[in-house]
Amino acid sequence: MKTTMINFPSKFKSFSFIAVAEHLKYLHGVLISGAKK
């Protein structure tokens, strides 16, 4: 797994990191809205 991750282009790495960050933000917002209800 680690070796394949290293072989990926840096653009793909940064894109996946941004996608994960956005997904975490979305999940966090859902949890907050769910707790308010």
C-alpha atoms as a PDB file:
ATOM      1  CA  MET A   1       0.000   0.000   0.000  1.00  0.00           C
ATOM      2  CA  LYS A   2       2.655   2.524   1.049  1.00  0.00           C
ATOM      3  CA  THR A   3       4.778   1.959  -2.045  1.00  0.00           C
ATOM      4  CA  THR A   4       1.804   2.475  -4.374  1.00  0.00           C
ATOM      5  CA  MET A   5       0.877   5.666  -2.492  1.00  0.00           C
ATOM      6  CA  ILE A   6       4.418   6.990  -3.038  1.00  0.00           C
ATOM      7  CA  ASN A   7       4.200   6.181  -6.756  1.00  0.00           C
ATOM      8  CA  PHE A   8       1.070   8.317  -7.182  1.00  0.00           C
ATOM      9  CA  PRO A   9       1.571  11.793  -8.702  1.00  0.00           C
ATOM     10  CA  SER A  10       1.757  14.644  -6.184  1.00  0.00           C
ATOM     11  CA  LYS A  11      -1.320  16.238  -7.789  1.00  0.00           C
ATOM     12  CA  PHE A  12      -3.371  13.150  -6.984  1.00  0.00           C
ATOM     13  CA  LYS A  13      -2.043  13.150  -3.415  1.00  0.00           C
ATOM     14  CA  SER A  14      -2.998  16.782  -2.815  1.00  0.00           C
ATOM     15  CA  PHE A  15      -6.401  16.237  -4.451  1.00  0.00           C
ATOM     16  CA  SER A  16      -7.158  13.189  -2.294  1.00  0.00           C
ATOM     17  CA  PHE A  17      -6.045  15.108   0.818  1.00  0.00           C
ATOM     18  CA  ILE A  18      -8.394  17.995  -0.029  1.00  0.00           C
ATOM     19  CA  ALA A  19     -11.223  15.540  -0.748  1.00  0.00           C
ATOM     20  CA  VAL A  20     -10.700  13.838   2.629  1.00  0.00           C
ATOM     21  CA  ALA A  21     -10.582  17.207   4.422  1.00  0.00           C
ATOM     22  CA  GLU A  22     -13.826  18.316   2.748  1.00  0.00           C
ATOM     23  CA  HIS A  23     -15.460  14.984   3.611  1.00  0.00           C
ATOM     24  CA  LEU A  24     -14.442  15.354   7.266  1.00  0.00           C
ATOM     25  CA  LYS A  25     -15.847  18.901   7.307  1.00  0.00           C
ATOM     26  CA  TYR A  26     -19.128  17.584   5.878  1.00  0.00           C
ATOM     27  CA  LEU A  27     -19.335  14.774   8.447  1.00  0.00           C
ATOM     28  CA  HIS A  28     -18.567  17.262  11.239  1.00  0.00           C
ATOM     29  CA  GLY A  29     -21.379  19.529  10.044  1.00  0.00           C
ATOM     30  CA  VAL A  30     -23.793  16.599   9.900  1.00  0.00           C
ATOM     31  CA  LEU A  31     -22.878  15.570  13.445  1.00  0.00           C
ATOM     32  CA  ILE A  32     -23.384  19.134  14.730  1.00  0.00           C
ATOM     33  CA  SER A  33     -26.765  19.527  12.980  1.00  0.00           C
ATOM     34  CA  GLY A  34     -27.800  16.088  14.247  1.00  0.00           C
ATOM     35  CA  ALA A  35     -26.860  16.991  17.824  1.00  0.00           C
ATOM     36  CA  LYS A  36     -28.862  20.239  17.658  1.00  0.00           C
ATOM     37  CA  LYS A  37     -32.008  18.275  16.741  1.00  0.00           C
END
